[in-house]
C-alpha cells in the first residue's frame, strides 16, 4: 500500500498522452499531455512538461508549460521557469517571480 505522499503515476519526458486523464493520488507529468486532467489529489507538472489541457485537481504545482483552464479546490503554485496561458480558479494562488503568466485569475473563498 502506498503512503499518502507517494507519487502513484508518472508520465516521463519523451512520453505523450492524448485524452482524458483521471487519477487518485499524486501524479507527476514530465512529458506532453493534451486533453483533460482530473484528480481529487495533487498534480505536479515538472520543468520541461508541456500540457495543453483543462485541469481539475485539489493541488496543482506547475514548473513546466501549461495552456488551458485550471481549477484547484486547495491551491495552485506556479514556479519558475513555468509558462502559463489560461484561467486559474483557486482559493489560493502563488506565482513565483520569473514565471511567464498570460491569463486570468478567479479567487474563490475556501469553504
N, C-alpha and C. Protein backbone atom coordinates (compact mmCIF):
# COMPACT_ATOMS: atom_id res chain seq x y z
N UNK A 1 0.84 -1.17 0.00
CA UNK A 1 0.00 0.00 0.00
C UNK A 1 0.89 1.24 0.00
N UNK A 2 0.53 2.25 -0.80
CA UNK A 2 1.36 3.44 -0.90
C UNK A 2 1.05 4.42 0.22
N UNK A 3 2.06 5.20 0.58
CA UNK A 3 1.87 6.21 1.62
C UNK A 3 1.14 7.41 1.02
N UNK A 4 0.63 8.28 1.87
CA UNK A 4 -0.18 9.42 1.44
C UNK A 4 0.57 10.35 0.48
N UNK A 5 1.88 10.54 0.67
CA UNK A 5 2.64 11.48 -0.15
C UNK A 5 3.44 10.83 -1.27
N UNK A 6 3.18 9.59 -1.57
CA UNK A 6 3.92 8.86 -2.59
C UNK A 6 3.30 9.11 -3.97
N UNK A 7 4.16 9.31 -4.97
CA UNK A 7 3.69 9.50 -6.34
C UNK A 7 3.16 8.17 -6.86
N UNK A 8 1.92 8.19 -7.38
CA UNK A 8 1.30 6.93 -7.83
C UNK A 8 1.42 6.73 -9.33
N UNK A 9 1.71 7.80 -10.10
CA UNK A 9 1.86 7.66 -11.55
C UNK A 9 2.78 8.75 -12.08
N UNK A 10 3.49 8.41 -13.16
CA UNK A 10 4.42 9.35 -13.78
C UNK A 10 4.28 9.24 -15.29
N UNK A 11 4.20 10.39 -15.95
CA UNK A 11 4.31 10.44 -17.41
C UNK A 11 5.65 11.11 -17.66
N UNK A 12 6.63 10.31 -18.04
CA UNK A 12 8.02 10.78 -18.13
C UNK A 12 8.27 11.62 -19.38
N UNK A 13 9.38 12.34 -19.36
CA UNK A 13 9.84 13.10 -20.51
C UNK A 13 9.97 12.14 -21.69
N UNK A 14 9.52 12.56 -22.85
CA UNK A 14 9.55 11.70 -24.03
C UNK A 14 8.25 10.94 -24.25
N UNK A 15 7.39 10.90 -23.22
CA UNK A 15 6.08 10.25 -23.34
C UNK A 15 5.03 11.28 -23.72
N UNK A 16 4.03 10.81 -24.47
CA UNK A 16 2.93 11.67 -24.90
C UNK A 16 1.62 10.98 -24.56
N UNK A 17 0.67 11.75 -24.00
CA UNK A 17 -0.66 11.22 -23.67
C UNK A 17 -1.70 12.16 -24.25
N UNK A 18 -2.67 11.59 -24.97
CA UNK A 18 -3.78 12.37 -25.51
C UNK A 18 -5.08 11.75 -25.03
N UNK A 19 -5.96 12.57 -24.46
CA UNK A 19 -7.24 12.08 -23.98
C UNK A 19 -7.56 12.61 -22.60
N UNK A 20 -8.44 11.90 -21.91
CA UNK A 20 -8.86 12.28 -20.57
C UNK A 20 -8.08 11.48 -19.54
N UNK A 21 -7.36 12.18 -18.67
CA UNK A 21 -6.56 11.54 -17.63
C UNK A 21 -7.24 11.78 -16.29
N UNK A 22 -7.60 10.71 -15.60
CA UNK A 22 -8.25 10.80 -14.30
C UNK A 22 -7.47 9.93 -13.32
N UNK A 23 -7.20 10.45 -12.12
CA UNK A 23 -6.38 9.68 -11.18
C UNK A 23 -6.71 10.02 -9.74
N UNK A 24 -6.33 9.10 -8.86
CA UNK A 24 -6.34 9.31 -7.41
C UNK A 24 -4.89 9.24 -6.95
N UNK A 25 -4.50 10.11 -6.06
CA UNK A 25 -3.11 10.13 -5.61
C UNK A 25 -2.33 11.21 -6.34
N UNK A 26 -1.03 11.25 -6.08
CA UNK A 26 -0.14 12.26 -6.66
C UNK A 26 0.37 11.76 -8.01
N UNK A 27 0.29 12.63 -9.02
CA UNK A 27 0.79 12.30 -10.36
C UNK A 27 1.79 13.37 -10.77
N UNK A 28 2.92 12.93 -11.33
CA UNK A 28 3.93 13.85 -11.87
C UNK A 28 3.97 13.69 -13.38
N UNK A 29 3.90 14.81 -14.09
CA UNK A 29 3.97 14.80 -15.55
C UNK A 29 5.24 15.53 -15.96
N UNK A 30 6.07 14.84 -16.75
CA UNK A 30 7.28 15.44 -17.31
C UNK A 30 7.23 15.43 -18.83
N UNK A 31 6.22 14.78 -19.39
CA UNK A 31 6.08 14.65 -20.84
C UNK A 31 5.06 15.63 -21.40
N UNK A 32 4.33 15.18 -22.43
CA UNK A 32 3.35 16.01 -23.12
C UNK A 32 1.96 15.42 -22.91
N UNK A 33 1.01 16.25 -22.48
CA UNK A 33 -0.37 15.80 -22.28
C UNK A 33 -1.31 16.78 -22.98
N UNK A 34 -2.23 16.22 -23.78
CA UNK A 34 -3.25 17.01 -24.46
C UNK A 34 -4.60 16.40 -24.12
N UNK A 35 -5.56 17.23 -23.71
CA UNK A 35 -6.89 16.72 -23.39
C UNK A 35 -7.42 17.34 -22.12
N UNK A 36 -7.72 16.50 -21.13
CA UNK A 36 -8.19 16.99 -19.84
C UNK A 36 -7.61 16.12 -18.73
N UNK A 37 -7.45 16.75 -17.56
CA UNK A 37 -6.87 16.05 -16.40
C UNK A 37 -7.79 16.30 -15.21
N UNK A 38 -8.14 15.22 -14.50
CA UNK A 38 -8.98 15.33 -13.30
C UNK A 38 -8.39 14.51 -12.17
N UNK A 39 -8.38 15.11 -10.97
CA UNK A 39 -7.89 14.39 -9.80
C UNK A 39 -8.50 14.99 -8.54
N UNK A 40 -8.64 14.14 -7.52
CA UNK A 40 -9.04 14.66 -6.21
C UNK A 40 -7.81 14.88 -5.34
N UNK A 41 -6.61 14.80 -5.95
CA UNK A 41 -5.36 14.92 -5.20
C UNK A 41 -4.44 15.94 -5.88
N UNK A 42 -3.16 15.62 -6.01
CA UNK A 42 -2.13 16.56 -6.45
C UNK A 42 -1.59 16.23 -7.83
N UNK A 43 -1.47 17.27 -8.65
CA UNK A 43 -0.84 17.16 -9.97
C UNK A 43 0.44 17.99 -9.94
N UNK A 44 1.57 17.36 -10.30
CA UNK A 44 2.86 18.04 -10.39
C UNK A 44 3.26 18.09 -11.86
N UNK A 45 3.40 19.30 -12.40
CA UNK A 45 3.83 19.50 -13.78
C UNK A 45 5.29 19.92 -13.72
N UNK A 46 6.18 19.01 -14.09
CA UNK A 46 7.62 19.24 -13.96
C UNK A 46 8.15 20.18 -15.04
N UNK A 47 9.31 20.75 -14.77
CA UNK A 47 10.01 21.57 -15.76
C UNK A 47 10.22 20.73 -17.02
N UNK A 48 9.92 21.29 -18.18
CA UNK A 48 10.06 20.56 -19.44
C UNK A 48 8.77 19.93 -19.92
N UNK A 49 7.79 19.77 -19.03
CA UNK A 49 6.49 19.21 -19.42
C UNK A 49 5.72 20.24 -20.24
N UNK A 50 4.88 19.74 -21.15
CA UNK A 50 4.01 20.60 -21.95
C UNK A 50 2.59 20.06 -21.83
N UNK A 51 1.72 20.85 -21.25
CA UNK A 51 0.33 20.46 -21.02
C UNK A 51 -0.58 21.40 -21.80
N UNK A 52 -1.44 20.83 -22.64
CA UNK A 52 -2.47 21.59 -23.34
C UNK A 52 -3.79 20.95 -22.95
N UNK A 53 -4.31 21.34 -21.79
CA UNK A 53 -5.47 20.64 -21.23
C UNK A 53 -6.15 21.50 -20.18
N UNK A 54 -7.42 21.22 -19.97
CA UNK A 54 -8.12 21.76 -18.82
C UNK A 54 -7.82 20.84 -17.65
N UNK A 55 -7.55 21.43 -16.48
CA UNK A 55 -7.12 20.65 -15.32
C UNK A 55 -8.04 20.95 -14.14
N UNK A 56 -8.49 19.89 -13.47
CA UNK A 56 -9.24 19.99 -12.22
C UNK A 56 -8.54 19.10 -11.21
N UNK A 57 -8.07 19.68 -10.10
CA UNK A 57 -7.39 18.89 -9.07
C UNK A 57 -7.46 19.65 -7.75
N UNK A 58 -7.07 18.99 -6.69
CA UNK A 58 -7.03 19.65 -5.39
C UNK A 58 -5.85 20.62 -5.32
N UNK A 59 -4.66 20.12 -5.61
CA UNK A 59 -3.43 20.92 -5.61
C UNK A 59 -2.77 20.79 -6.97
N UNK A 60 -2.36 21.91 -7.56
CA UNK A 60 -1.68 21.90 -8.86
C UNK A 60 -0.37 22.66 -8.70
N UNK A 61 0.75 21.97 -8.96
CA UNK A 61 2.09 22.55 -8.85
C UNK A 61 2.69 22.56 -10.25
N UNK A 62 3.02 23.74 -10.76
CA UNK A 62 3.46 23.88 -12.15
C UNK A 62 4.87 24.45 -12.22
N UNK A 63 5.77 23.73 -12.91
CA UNK A 63 7.10 24.25 -13.25
C UNK A 63 7.33 24.19 -14.75
N UNK A 64 6.42 23.57 -15.49
CA UNK A 64 6.53 23.42 -16.94
C UNK A 64 5.63 24.40 -17.66
N UNK A 65 5.19 24.02 -18.85
CA UNK A 65 4.33 24.86 -19.69
C UNK A 65 2.91 24.31 -19.66
N UNK A 66 1.95 25.18 -19.33
CA UNK A 66 0.54 24.77 -19.28
C UNK A 66 -0.29 25.79 -20.05
N UNK A 67 -1.14 25.28 -20.96
CA UNK A 67 -2.10 26.11 -21.67
C UNK A 67 -3.46 25.47 -21.45
N UNK A 68 -4.37 26.21 -20.82
CA UNK A 68 -5.70 25.69 -20.55
C UNK A 68 -6.29 26.34 -19.32
N UNK A 69 -7.47 25.91 -18.96
CA UNK A 69 -8.14 26.42 -17.77
C UNK A 69 -7.91 25.45 -16.63
N UNK A 70 -7.48 25.99 -15.49
CA UNK A 70 -7.22 25.11 -14.35
C UNK A 70 -8.06 25.53 -13.16
N UNK A 71 -8.59 24.52 -12.47
CA UNK A 71 -9.39 24.73 -11.27
C UNK A 71 -8.81 23.87 -10.16
N UNK A 72 -8.51 24.50 -9.04
CA UNK A 72 -7.98 23.77 -7.88
C UNK A 72 -8.87 24.04 -6.68
N UNK A 73 -9.18 23.00 -5.93
CA UNK A 73 -10.00 23.17 -4.73
C UNK A 73 -9.18 23.63 -3.54
N UNK A 74 -7.85 23.44 -3.58
CA UNK A 74 -6.98 23.84 -2.48
C UNK A 74 -6.04 24.98 -2.88
N UNK A 75 -5.10 24.71 -3.82
CA UNK A 75 -4.15 25.76 -4.21
C UNK A 75 -3.48 25.45 -5.54
N UNK A 76 -2.95 26.52 -6.15
CA UNK A 76 -2.13 26.44 -7.36
C UNK A 76 -0.82 27.15 -7.06
N UNK A 77 0.30 26.49 -7.39
CA UNK A 77 1.62 27.12 -7.27
C UNK A 77 2.27 27.05 -8.64
N UNK A 78 2.69 28.22 -9.15
CA UNK A 78 3.36 28.29 -10.45
C UNK A 78 4.77 28.79 -10.18
N UNK A 79 5.75 27.93 -10.47
CA UNK A 79 7.14 28.21 -10.13
C UNK A 79 7.98 28.37 -11.39
N UNK A 80 8.97 29.24 -11.32
CA UNK A 80 9.85 29.46 -12.46
C UNK A 80 10.61 28.18 -12.75
N UNK A 81 10.79 27.83 -14.01
CA UNK A 81 10.64 28.62 -15.23
C UNK A 81 9.31 28.40 -15.96
N UNK A 82 8.22 28.24 -15.22
CA UNK A 82 6.92 27.90 -15.82
C UNK A 82 6.42 28.98 -16.77
N UNK A 83 5.58 28.50 -17.70
CA UNK A 83 4.84 29.37 -18.61
C UNK A 83 3.38 28.94 -18.51
N UNK A 84 2.48 29.90 -18.31
CA UNK A 84 1.07 29.57 -18.18
C UNK A 84 0.23 30.49 -19.05
N UNK A 85 -0.76 29.89 -19.74
CA UNK A 85 -1.72 30.67 -20.52
C UNK A 85 -3.10 30.08 -20.28
N UNK A 86 -4.02 30.89 -19.75
CA UNK A 86 -5.36 30.40 -19.50
C UNK A 86 -5.99 31.08 -18.29
N UNK A 87 -6.90 30.37 -17.65
CA UNK A 87 -7.61 30.87 -16.48
C UNK A 87 -7.33 29.97 -15.28
N UNK A 88 -7.01 30.59 -14.15
CA UNK A 88 -6.80 29.86 -12.90
C UNK A 88 -7.96 30.19 -11.96
N UNK A 89 -8.64 29.17 -11.47
CA UNK A 89 -9.68 29.33 -10.46
C UNK A 89 -9.25 28.53 -9.24
N UNK A 90 -9.02 29.24 -8.12
CA UNK A 90 -8.49 28.58 -6.93
C UNK A 90 -8.65 29.51 -5.73
N UNK A 91 -8.80 28.95 -4.53
CA UNK A 91 -8.83 29.80 -3.34
C UNK A 91 -7.44 30.34 -2.97
N UNK A 92 -6.38 29.73 -3.51
CA UNK A 92 -5.01 30.15 -3.19
C UNK A 92 -4.14 30.03 -4.43
N UNK A 93 -3.42 31.11 -4.77
CA UNK A 93 -2.54 31.12 -5.94
C UNK A 93 -1.21 31.73 -5.56
N UNK A 94 -0.13 31.01 -5.87
CA UNK A 94 1.23 31.50 -5.66
C UNK A 94 1.92 31.50 -7.01
N UNK A 95 2.43 32.67 -7.43
CA UNK A 95 3.16 32.79 -8.69
C UNK A 95 4.55 33.32 -8.36
N UNK A 96 5.55 32.51 -8.61
CA UNK A 96 6.93 32.89 -8.31
C UNK A 96 7.43 33.92 -9.32
N UNK A 97 8.30 34.82 -8.86
CA UNK A 97 8.92 35.79 -9.74
C UNK A 97 9.68 35.06 -10.85
N UNK A 98 9.54 35.54 -12.09
CA UNK A 98 10.21 34.92 -13.22
C UNK A 98 9.30 34.03 -14.06
N UNK A 99 8.10 33.75 -13.56
CA UNK A 99 7.12 32.96 -14.31
C UNK A 99 6.53 33.82 -15.41
N UNK A 100 6.26 33.22 -16.57
CA UNK A 100 5.54 33.91 -17.63
C UNK A 100 4.07 33.52 -17.50
N UNK A 101 3.22 34.50 -17.17
CA UNK A 101 1.80 34.26 -16.88
C UNK A 101 0.96 35.14 -17.80
N UNK A 102 0.23 34.50 -18.71
CA UNK A 102 -0.72 35.19 -19.58
C UNK A 102 -2.09 34.62 -19.26
N UNK A 103 -2.83 35.29 -18.40
CA UNK A 103 -4.10 34.69 -18.05
C UNK A 103 -4.93 35.53 -17.12
N UNK A 104 -5.94 34.86 -16.61
CA UNK A 104 -6.92 35.45 -15.72
C UNK A 104 -6.94 34.62 -14.44
N UNK A 105 -7.11 35.29 -13.31
CA UNK A 105 -7.27 34.55 -12.05
C UNK A 105 -8.65 34.81 -11.48
N UNK A 106 -9.22 33.75 -10.93
CA UNK A 106 -10.51 33.84 -10.24
C UNK A 106 -10.30 33.21 -8.87
N UNK A 107 -10.33 34.04 -7.85
CA UNK A 107 -10.10 33.54 -6.50
C UNK A 107 -11.44 33.22 -5.86
N UNK A 108 -11.52 32.01 -5.33
CA UNK A 108 -12.74 31.58 -4.63
C UNK A 108 -12.41 31.41 -3.16
N UNK A 109 -13.35 31.78 -2.31
CA UNK A 109 -13.16 31.59 -0.88
C UNK A 109 -13.13 30.11 -0.55
N UNK A 110 -12.23 29.73 0.37
CA UNK A 110 -12.23 28.35 0.87
C UNK A 110 -13.49 28.16 1.69
N UNK A 111 -14.14 27.05 1.50
CA UNK A 111 -15.39 26.78 2.23
C UNK A 111 -15.12 25.84 3.36
